N, C-alpha and C. Protein backbone atom coordinates (compact mmCIF):
# COMPACT_ATOMS: atom_id res chain seq x y z
N UNK A 1 25.68 9.92 -10.00
CA UNK A 1 24.82 8.77 -10.14
C UNK A 1 23.41 9.17 -9.72
N UNK A 2 22.43 8.89 -10.57
CA UNK A 2 21.06 9.24 -10.24
C UNK A 2 20.36 8.05 -9.60
N UNK A 3 19.43 8.36 -8.72
CA UNK A 3 18.68 7.31 -8.02
C UNK A 3 17.55 6.83 -8.92
N UNK A 4 17.43 5.54 -9.05
CA UNK A 4 16.34 4.94 -9.81
C UNK A 4 15.38 4.30 -8.83
N UNK A 5 14.13 4.15 -9.26
CA UNK A 5 13.14 3.51 -8.39
C UNK A 5 13.54 2.07 -8.13
N UNK A 6 13.26 1.58 -6.94
CA UNK A 6 13.60 0.22 -6.56
C UNK A 6 12.52 -0.77 -6.96
N UNK A 7 12.59 -1.95 -6.42
CA UNK A 7 11.71 -3.08 -6.68
C UNK A 7 11.84 -3.58 -8.11
N UNK A 8 11.67 -2.71 -9.06
CA UNK A 8 11.70 -3.16 -10.45
C UNK A 8 12.94 -2.64 -11.15
N UNK A 9 13.28 -3.35 -12.20
CA UNK A 9 14.38 -2.97 -13.07
C UNK A 9 15.63 -2.58 -12.29
N UNK A 10 16.37 -3.57 -11.80
CA UNK A 10 17.61 -3.25 -11.12
C UNK A 10 18.54 -2.48 -12.03
N UNK A 11 19.38 -1.61 -11.49
CA UNK A 11 20.28 -0.83 -12.33
C UNK A 11 21.09 -1.74 -13.25
N UNK A 12 21.40 -1.23 -14.42
CA UNK A 12 22.14 -2.00 -15.41
C UNK A 12 23.41 -2.57 -14.80
N UNK A 13 23.61 -3.84 -15.04
CA UNK A 13 24.82 -4.49 -14.55
C UNK A 13 24.72 -5.02 -13.13
N UNK A 14 23.60 -4.77 -12.45
CA UNK A 14 23.47 -5.27 -11.08
C UNK A 14 22.53 -6.47 -11.06
N UNK A 15 22.49 -7.13 -9.96
CA UNK A 15 21.67 -8.32 -9.82
C UNK A 15 20.42 -8.01 -9.00
N UNK A 16 19.47 -8.92 -9.09
CA UNK A 16 18.26 -8.79 -8.28
C UNK A 16 18.58 -9.13 -6.83
N UNK A 17 17.76 -8.64 -5.93
CA UNK A 17 17.91 -8.97 -4.53
C UNK A 17 18.07 -7.75 -3.66
N UNK A 18 18.43 -7.98 -2.40
CA UNK A 18 18.65 -6.91 -1.43
C UNK A 18 20.07 -6.38 -1.56
N UNK A 19 20.20 -5.07 -1.52
CA UNK A 19 21.52 -4.43 -1.62
C UNK A 19 21.57 -3.27 -0.64
N UNK A 20 22.71 -3.04 -0.05
CA UNK A 20 22.94 -1.85 0.76
C UNK A 20 23.78 -0.91 -0.08
N UNK A 21 23.25 0.31 -0.32
CA UNK A 21 23.88 1.27 -1.22
C UNK A 21 24.03 2.62 -0.54
N UNK A 22 24.78 3.49 -1.17
CA UNK A 22 24.92 4.88 -0.73
C UNK A 22 23.75 5.73 -1.20
N UNK A 23 22.94 5.20 -2.10
CA UNK A 23 21.86 5.95 -2.74
C UNK A 23 20.52 5.28 -2.42
N UNK A 24 19.51 6.09 -2.12
CA UNK A 24 18.16 5.59 -1.89
C UNK A 24 17.50 5.38 -3.24
N UNK A 25 17.41 4.14 -3.65
CA UNK A 25 16.79 3.82 -4.93
C UNK A 25 15.29 3.56 -4.80
N UNK A 26 14.76 3.67 -3.60
CA UNK A 26 13.35 3.38 -3.38
C UNK A 26 12.61 4.58 -2.77
N UNK A 27 13.07 5.77 -3.03
CA UNK A 27 12.49 6.98 -2.46
C UNK A 27 11.02 7.14 -2.84
N UNK A 28 10.64 6.67 -4.03
CA UNK A 28 9.25 6.84 -4.46
C UNK A 28 8.31 6.01 -3.57
N UNK A 29 8.76 4.85 -3.11
CA UNK A 29 7.94 4.03 -2.23
C UNK A 29 7.82 4.66 -0.85
N UNK A 30 8.88 5.31 -0.41
CA UNK A 30 8.82 6.03 0.87
C UNK A 30 7.83 7.19 0.76
N UNK A 31 7.79 7.84 -0.40
CA UNK A 31 6.82 8.92 -0.62
C UNK A 31 5.39 8.41 -0.52
N UNK A 32 5.13 7.25 -1.12
CA UNK A 32 3.80 6.65 -1.03
C UNK A 32 3.47 6.30 0.42
N UNK A 33 4.45 5.79 1.15
CA UNK A 33 4.25 5.46 2.57
C UNK A 33 3.89 6.72 3.36
N UNK A 34 4.55 7.83 3.06
CA UNK A 34 4.23 9.09 3.74
C UNK A 34 2.81 9.55 3.41
N UNK A 35 2.41 9.43 2.15
CA UNK A 35 1.05 9.82 1.75
C UNK A 35 0.01 8.94 2.45
N UNK A 36 0.24 7.63 2.48
CA UNK A 36 -0.69 6.72 3.15
C UNK A 36 -0.79 7.07 4.63
N UNK A 37 0.35 7.30 5.27
CA UNK A 37 0.37 7.62 6.70
C UNK A 37 -0.35 8.95 6.95
N UNK A 38 -0.13 9.93 6.10
CA UNK A 38 -0.82 11.21 6.24
C UNK A 38 -2.33 11.05 6.11
N UNK A 39 -2.76 10.22 5.15
CA UNK A 39 -4.18 9.96 4.98
C UNK A 39 -4.77 9.25 6.18
N UNK A 40 -4.03 8.29 6.73
CA UNK A 40 -4.51 7.56 7.91
C UNK A 40 -4.62 8.49 9.11
N UNK A 41 -3.66 9.38 9.27
CA UNK A 41 -3.71 10.34 10.38
C UNK A 41 -4.91 11.28 10.20
N UNK A 42 -5.14 11.73 8.97
CA UNK A 42 -6.29 12.60 8.71
C UNK A 42 -7.60 11.88 9.03
N UNK A 43 -7.70 10.60 8.64
CA UNK A 43 -8.91 9.83 8.97
C UNK A 43 -9.06 9.67 10.48
N UNK A 44 -7.95 9.46 11.16
CA UNK A 44 -7.99 9.32 12.63
C UNK A 44 -8.49 10.60 13.29
N UNK A 45 -8.06 11.73 12.77
CA UNK A 45 -8.43 13.02 13.36
C UNK A 45 -9.86 13.43 12.97
N UNK A 46 -10.18 13.33 11.69
CA UNK A 46 -11.44 13.88 11.18
C UNK A 46 -12.54 12.84 10.98
N UNK A 47 -12.17 11.55 10.99
CA UNK A 47 -13.17 10.49 10.77
C UNK A 47 -13.41 10.25 9.30
N UNK A 48 -14.37 9.39 9.03
CA UNK A 48 -14.71 9.03 7.65
C UNK A 48 -15.35 10.22 6.93
N UNK A 49 -15.15 10.31 5.62
CA UNK A 49 -15.75 11.42 4.86
C UNK A 49 -17.27 11.39 4.96
N UNK A 50 -17.86 12.55 5.01
CA UNK A 50 -19.32 12.66 5.10
C UNK A 50 -20.00 12.62 3.74
N UNK A 51 -19.23 12.40 2.69
CA UNK A 51 -19.80 12.36 1.34
C UNK A 51 -19.57 10.97 0.74
N UNK A 52 -20.39 10.63 -0.24
CA UNK A 52 -20.26 9.35 -0.94
C UNK A 52 -19.15 9.46 -1.97
N UNK A 53 -18.11 8.64 -1.83
CA UNK A 53 -16.97 8.72 -2.76
C UNK A 53 -16.91 7.50 -3.68
N UNK A 54 -18.02 6.78 -3.81
CA UNK A 54 -18.05 5.58 -4.64
C UNK A 54 -18.29 5.90 -6.09
N UNK A 55 -17.77 5.03 -6.95
CA UNK A 55 -17.99 5.15 -8.38
C UNK A 55 -19.31 4.54 -8.79
N UNK A 56 -19.70 4.71 -10.06
CA UNK A 56 -21.00 4.23 -10.53
C UNK A 56 -21.15 2.70 -10.48
N UNK A 57 -20.09 1.95 -10.69
CA UNK A 57 -20.20 0.49 -10.65
C UNK A 57 -20.53 -0.01 -9.24
N UNK A 58 -20.10 0.72 -8.24
CA UNK A 58 -20.38 0.35 -6.86
C UNK A 58 -21.89 0.27 -6.61
N UNK A 59 -22.61 1.21 -7.18
CA UNK A 59 -24.06 1.25 -7.00
C UNK A 59 -24.76 0.07 -7.69
N UNK A 60 -24.07 -0.51 -8.66
CA UNK A 60 -24.63 -1.67 -9.36
C UNK A 60 -24.20 -2.99 -8.71
N UNK A 61 -23.44 -2.90 -7.61
CA UNK A 61 -23.03 -4.10 -6.90
C UNK A 61 -21.69 -4.66 -7.35
N UNK A 62 -20.97 -3.92 -8.18
CA UNK A 62 -19.65 -4.37 -8.64
C UNK A 62 -18.60 -3.69 -7.77
N UNK A 63 -17.95 -4.48 -6.93
CA UNK A 63 -16.91 -3.94 -6.05
C UNK A 63 -15.56 -4.01 -6.76
N UNK A 64 -14.70 -3.08 -6.45
CA UNK A 64 -13.33 -3.15 -6.98
C UNK A 64 -12.40 -3.52 -5.83
N UNK A 65 -11.14 -3.84 -6.14
CA UNK A 65 -10.23 -4.29 -5.08
C UNK A 65 -9.99 -3.25 -3.98
N UNK A 66 -10.28 -2.00 -4.27
CA UNK A 66 -10.00 -0.95 -3.30
C UNK A 66 -11.24 -0.55 -2.50
N UNK A 67 -12.37 -1.15 -2.82
CA UNK A 67 -13.60 -0.86 -2.09
C UNK A 67 -13.43 -1.26 -0.64
N UNK A 68 -13.83 -0.40 0.26
CA UNK A 68 -13.65 -0.63 1.68
C UNK A 68 -12.29 -0.16 2.17
N UNK A 69 -11.48 0.38 1.28
CA UNK A 69 -10.14 0.83 1.64
C UNK A 69 -10.13 2.00 2.61
N UNK A 70 -11.04 2.93 2.42
CA UNK A 70 -11.10 4.07 3.33
C UNK A 70 -11.51 3.62 4.72
N UNK A 71 -12.54 2.78 4.79
CA UNK A 71 -12.97 2.26 6.10
C UNK A 71 -11.89 1.38 6.72
N UNK A 72 -11.21 0.61 5.87
CA UNK A 72 -10.11 -0.23 6.37
C UNK A 72 -8.97 0.60 6.92
N UNK A 73 -8.62 1.67 6.22
CA UNK A 73 -7.55 2.56 6.68
C UNK A 73 -7.97 3.27 7.97
N UNK A 74 -9.22 3.67 8.04
CA UNK A 74 -9.74 4.30 9.25
C UNK A 74 -9.64 3.35 10.44
N UNK A 75 -10.06 2.11 10.24
CA UNK A 75 -9.98 1.13 11.33
C UNK A 75 -8.53 0.86 11.72
N UNK A 76 -7.65 0.82 10.73
CA UNK A 76 -6.23 0.62 11.02
C UNK A 76 -5.68 1.79 11.84
N UNK A 77 -6.09 3.01 11.49
CA UNK A 77 -5.65 4.19 12.24
C UNK A 77 -6.17 4.17 13.68
N UNK A 78 -7.30 3.52 13.89
CA UNK A 78 -7.85 3.38 15.24
C UNK A 78 -7.20 2.23 16.01
N UNK A 79 -6.39 1.44 15.31
CA UNK A 79 -5.71 0.31 15.94
C UNK A 79 -6.48 -0.99 15.86
N UNK A 80 -7.55 -1.02 15.08
CA UNK A 80 -8.37 -2.22 14.92
C UNK A 80 -7.94 -2.99 13.68
N UNK A 81 -6.85 -3.75 13.80
CA UNK A 81 -6.28 -4.44 12.64
C UNK A 81 -7.25 -5.46 12.07
N UNK A 82 -7.93 -6.20 12.92
CA UNK A 82 -8.89 -7.20 12.44
C UNK A 82 -10.03 -6.58 11.66
N UNK A 83 -10.55 -5.48 12.16
CA UNK A 83 -11.63 -4.78 11.44
C UNK A 83 -11.12 -4.20 10.13
N UNK A 84 -9.90 -3.68 10.17
CA UNK A 84 -9.30 -3.13 8.94
C UNK A 84 -9.18 -4.24 7.90
N UNK A 85 -8.69 -5.41 8.32
CA UNK A 85 -8.54 -6.54 7.40
C UNK A 85 -9.89 -6.96 6.83
N UNK A 86 -10.94 -6.93 7.65
CA UNK A 86 -12.25 -7.35 7.17
C UNK A 86 -12.82 -6.37 6.15
N UNK A 87 -12.53 -5.10 6.28
CA UNK A 87 -13.01 -4.13 5.30
C UNK A 87 -12.23 -4.22 4.00
N UNK A 88 -10.91 -4.27 4.11
CA UNK A 88 -10.08 -4.41 2.91
C UNK A 88 -8.66 -4.79 3.31
N UNK A 89 -8.22 -5.99 2.96
CA UNK A 89 -6.87 -6.43 3.33
C UNK A 89 -5.76 -5.53 2.79
N UNK A 90 -6.03 -4.84 1.69
CA UNK A 90 -5.01 -3.96 1.12
C UNK A 90 -4.64 -2.85 2.10
N UNK A 91 -5.59 -2.38 2.90
CA UNK A 91 -5.30 -1.33 3.88
C UNK A 91 -4.25 -1.81 4.88
N UNK A 92 -4.38 -3.05 5.32
CA UNK A 92 -3.41 -3.60 6.28
C UNK A 92 -2.05 -3.79 5.60
N UNK A 93 -2.06 -4.31 4.38
CA UNK A 93 -0.80 -4.50 3.65
C UNK A 93 -0.10 -3.17 3.43
N UNK A 94 -0.86 -2.14 3.07
CA UNK A 94 -0.26 -0.80 2.91
C UNK A 94 0.25 -0.27 4.23
N UNK A 95 -0.47 -0.52 5.31
CA UNK A 95 -0.02 -0.06 6.63
C UNK A 95 1.29 -0.71 7.04
N UNK A 96 1.39 -2.01 6.85
CA UNK A 96 2.63 -2.72 7.17
C UNK A 96 3.76 -2.21 6.28
N UNK A 97 3.47 -2.07 4.99
CA UNK A 97 4.48 -1.54 4.06
C UNK A 97 4.93 -0.14 4.44
N UNK A 98 3.98 0.70 4.86
CA UNK A 98 4.32 2.06 5.26
C UNK A 98 5.26 2.07 6.45
N UNK A 99 4.96 1.24 7.45
CA UNK A 99 5.83 1.16 8.63
C UNK A 99 7.24 0.72 8.21
N UNK A 100 7.32 -0.32 7.37
CA UNK A 100 8.63 -0.82 6.94
C UNK A 100 9.40 0.22 6.14
N UNK A 101 8.74 0.89 5.22
CA UNK A 101 9.44 1.89 4.40
C UNK A 101 9.85 3.12 5.21
N UNK A 102 9.02 3.53 6.16
CA UNK A 102 9.38 4.68 6.98
C UNK A 102 10.52 4.34 7.94
N UNK A 103 10.53 3.11 8.45
CA UNK A 103 11.65 2.67 9.30
C UNK A 103 12.93 2.60 8.46
N UNK A 104 12.82 2.07 7.25
CA UNK A 104 13.96 2.00 6.33
C UNK A 104 14.49 3.40 6.03
N UNK A 105 13.59 4.35 5.82
CA UNK A 105 13.99 5.72 5.53
C UNK A 105 14.69 6.35 6.73
N UNK A 106 14.17 6.11 7.92
CA UNK A 106 14.80 6.67 9.12
C UNK A 106 16.21 6.13 9.31
N UNK A 107 16.38 4.83 9.15
CA UNK A 107 17.71 4.22 9.29
C UNK A 107 18.64 4.75 8.19
N UNK A 108 18.12 4.86 6.98
CA UNK A 108 18.93 5.38 5.87
C UNK A 108 19.38 6.81 6.08
N UNK A 109 18.50 7.64 6.60
CA UNK A 109 18.85 9.05 6.87
C UNK A 109 19.95 9.16 7.91
N UNK A 110 19.88 8.30 8.92
CA UNK A 110 20.86 8.35 10.01
C UNK A 110 22.21 7.77 9.57
N UNK A 111 22.18 6.64 8.87
CA UNK A 111 23.42 5.93 8.54
C UNK A 111 23.99 6.28 7.17
N UNK A 112 23.18 6.92 6.33
CA UNK A 112 23.56 7.23 4.95
C UNK A 112 23.84 5.96 4.15
N UNK A 113 23.22 4.89 4.56
CA UNK A 113 23.28 3.61 3.86
C UNK A 113 21.83 3.17 3.66
N UNK A 114 21.51 2.73 2.46
CA UNK A 114 20.12 2.45 2.12
C UNK A 114 19.94 1.00 1.73
N UNK A 115 18.98 0.35 2.34
CA UNK A 115 18.62 -1.00 1.96
C UNK A 115 17.69 -0.91 0.76
N UNK A 116 18.16 -1.42 -0.37
CA UNK A 116 17.38 -1.37 -1.60
C UNK A 116 17.06 -2.79 -2.06
N UNK A 117 15.90 -2.94 -2.64
CA UNK A 117 15.46 -4.23 -3.15
C UNK A 117 15.19 -4.09 -4.64
N UNK A 118 15.82 -4.93 -5.42
CA UNK A 118 15.61 -4.93 -6.87
C UNK A 118 15.08 -6.31 -7.27
N UNK A 119 13.94 -6.31 -7.92
CA UNK A 119 13.33 -7.55 -8.39
C UNK A 119 12.97 -7.41 -9.86
N UNK A 120 12.93 -8.51 -10.58
CA UNK A 120 12.49 -8.44 -11.98
C UNK A 120 11.07 -7.89 -12.07
N UNK A 121 10.85 -7.02 -13.02
CA UNK A 121 9.54 -6.39 -13.21
C UNK A 121 8.43 -7.43 -13.32
N UNK A 122 8.69 -8.53 -13.96
CA UNK A 122 7.69 -9.58 -14.14
C UNK A 122 7.23 -10.12 -12.78
N UNK A 123 8.14 -10.29 -11.85
CA UNK A 123 7.78 -10.79 -10.52
C UNK A 123 6.89 -9.81 -9.79
N UNK A 124 7.26 -8.54 -9.86
CA UNK A 124 6.49 -7.51 -9.15
C UNK A 124 5.08 -7.40 -9.74
N UNK A 125 5.00 -7.32 -11.06
CA UNK A 125 3.69 -7.19 -11.71
C UNK A 125 2.83 -8.42 -11.45
N UNK A 126 3.43 -9.60 -11.46
CA UNK A 126 2.68 -10.83 -11.19
C UNK A 126 2.16 -10.84 -9.75
N UNK A 127 2.98 -10.44 -8.80
CA UNK A 127 2.55 -10.40 -7.39
C UNK A 127 1.44 -9.39 -7.20
N UNK A 128 1.57 -8.21 -7.79
CA UNK A 128 0.53 -7.18 -7.66
C UNK A 128 -0.77 -7.67 -8.29
N UNK A 129 -0.68 -8.28 -9.49
CA UNK A 129 -1.88 -8.79 -10.16
C UNK A 129 -2.56 -9.87 -9.31
N UNK A 130 -1.77 -10.77 -8.74
CA UNK A 130 -2.34 -11.83 -7.91
C UNK A 130 -3.05 -11.26 -6.69
N UNK A 131 -2.41 -10.31 -6.01
CA UNK A 131 -3.03 -9.69 -4.83
C UNK A 131 -4.33 -9.00 -5.23
N UNK A 132 -4.32 -8.27 -6.33
CA UNK A 132 -5.54 -7.56 -6.76
C UNK A 132 -6.66 -8.51 -7.12
N UNK A 133 -6.34 -9.62 -7.77
CA UNK A 133 -7.38 -10.60 -8.12
C UNK A 133 -7.97 -11.23 -6.86
N UNK A 134 -7.11 -11.64 -5.93
CA UNK A 134 -7.59 -12.27 -4.69
C UNK A 134 -8.44 -11.28 -3.89
N UNK A 135 -8.00 -10.03 -3.79
CA UNK A 135 -8.76 -9.04 -3.04
C UNK A 135 -10.06 -8.70 -3.77
N UNK A 136 -10.04 -8.68 -5.10
CA UNK A 136 -11.27 -8.43 -5.86
C UNK A 136 -12.31 -9.50 -5.55
N UNK A 137 -11.90 -10.75 -5.55
CA UNK A 137 -12.83 -11.84 -5.23
C UNK A 137 -13.35 -11.67 -3.80
N UNK A 138 -12.46 -11.37 -2.87
CA UNK A 138 -12.86 -11.15 -1.47
C UNK A 138 -13.87 -10.02 -1.37
N UNK A 139 -13.60 -8.92 -2.03
CA UNK A 139 -14.50 -7.77 -1.94
C UNK A 139 -15.85 -8.07 -2.58
N UNK A 140 -15.83 -8.80 -3.69
CA UNK A 140 -17.10 -9.12 -4.36
C UNK A 140 -17.94 -10.07 -3.51
N UNK A 141 -17.28 -10.96 -2.76
CA UNK A 141 -18.00 -11.89 -1.89
C UNK A 141 -18.71 -11.17 -0.74
N UNK A 142 -18.24 -9.98 -0.41
CA UNK A 142 -18.91 -9.22 0.65
C UNK A 142 -19.52 -7.93 0.11
N UNK A 143 -20.01 -8.00 -1.12
CA UNK A 143 -20.58 -6.83 -1.77
C UNK A 143 -21.73 -6.21 -0.99
N UNK A 144 -22.62 -7.04 -0.44
CA UNK A 144 -23.75 -6.48 0.32
C UNK A 144 -23.27 -5.67 1.51
N UNK A 145 -22.27 -6.16 2.21
CA UNK A 145 -21.73 -5.43 3.36
C UNK A 145 -21.09 -4.12 2.91
N UNK A 146 -20.33 -4.18 1.83
CA UNK A 146 -19.64 -2.99 1.35
C UNK A 146 -20.61 -1.94 0.80
N UNK A 147 -21.75 -2.40 0.30
CA UNK A 147 -22.76 -1.47 -0.22
C UNK A 147 -23.60 -0.89 0.91
N UNK A 148 -23.42 -1.41 2.13
CA UNK A 148 -24.17 -0.89 3.26
C UNK A 148 -25.54 -1.49 3.42
N UNK A 149 -25.72 -2.71 2.92
CA UNK A 149 -27.04 -3.37 3.03
C UNK A 149 -27.05 -4.36 4.13
């Protein structure tokens, strides 16, 4: 039996919801959690990048939902959750998700039982779209701050 990614498209014949299985069906999300955590640790050790990593629209005052994410992740790595949230709420959401997925992975490795979540793709895409729209509006409302003015 091959492991399929979780959250979306539950395996054929199964139902949506939480399941405890012998197989980690959400390993890809754990990988993203590890990458996020590694990036946060690097920011904690080395600080913010000394180069401008913004795209061309940023210079025109158009913020994207991920604008402020590096500073938010840096603040989160320093333990300043409120400051992280003010720079970009997605950084805090990713941080909470990373902790949950890494804890899930640790328990799964020890017990050989994996908590998997399967949801209809439409629900996941709708939730992601809603979060991105709300964060986009939030980021655009603080465009002057994010541009450093």
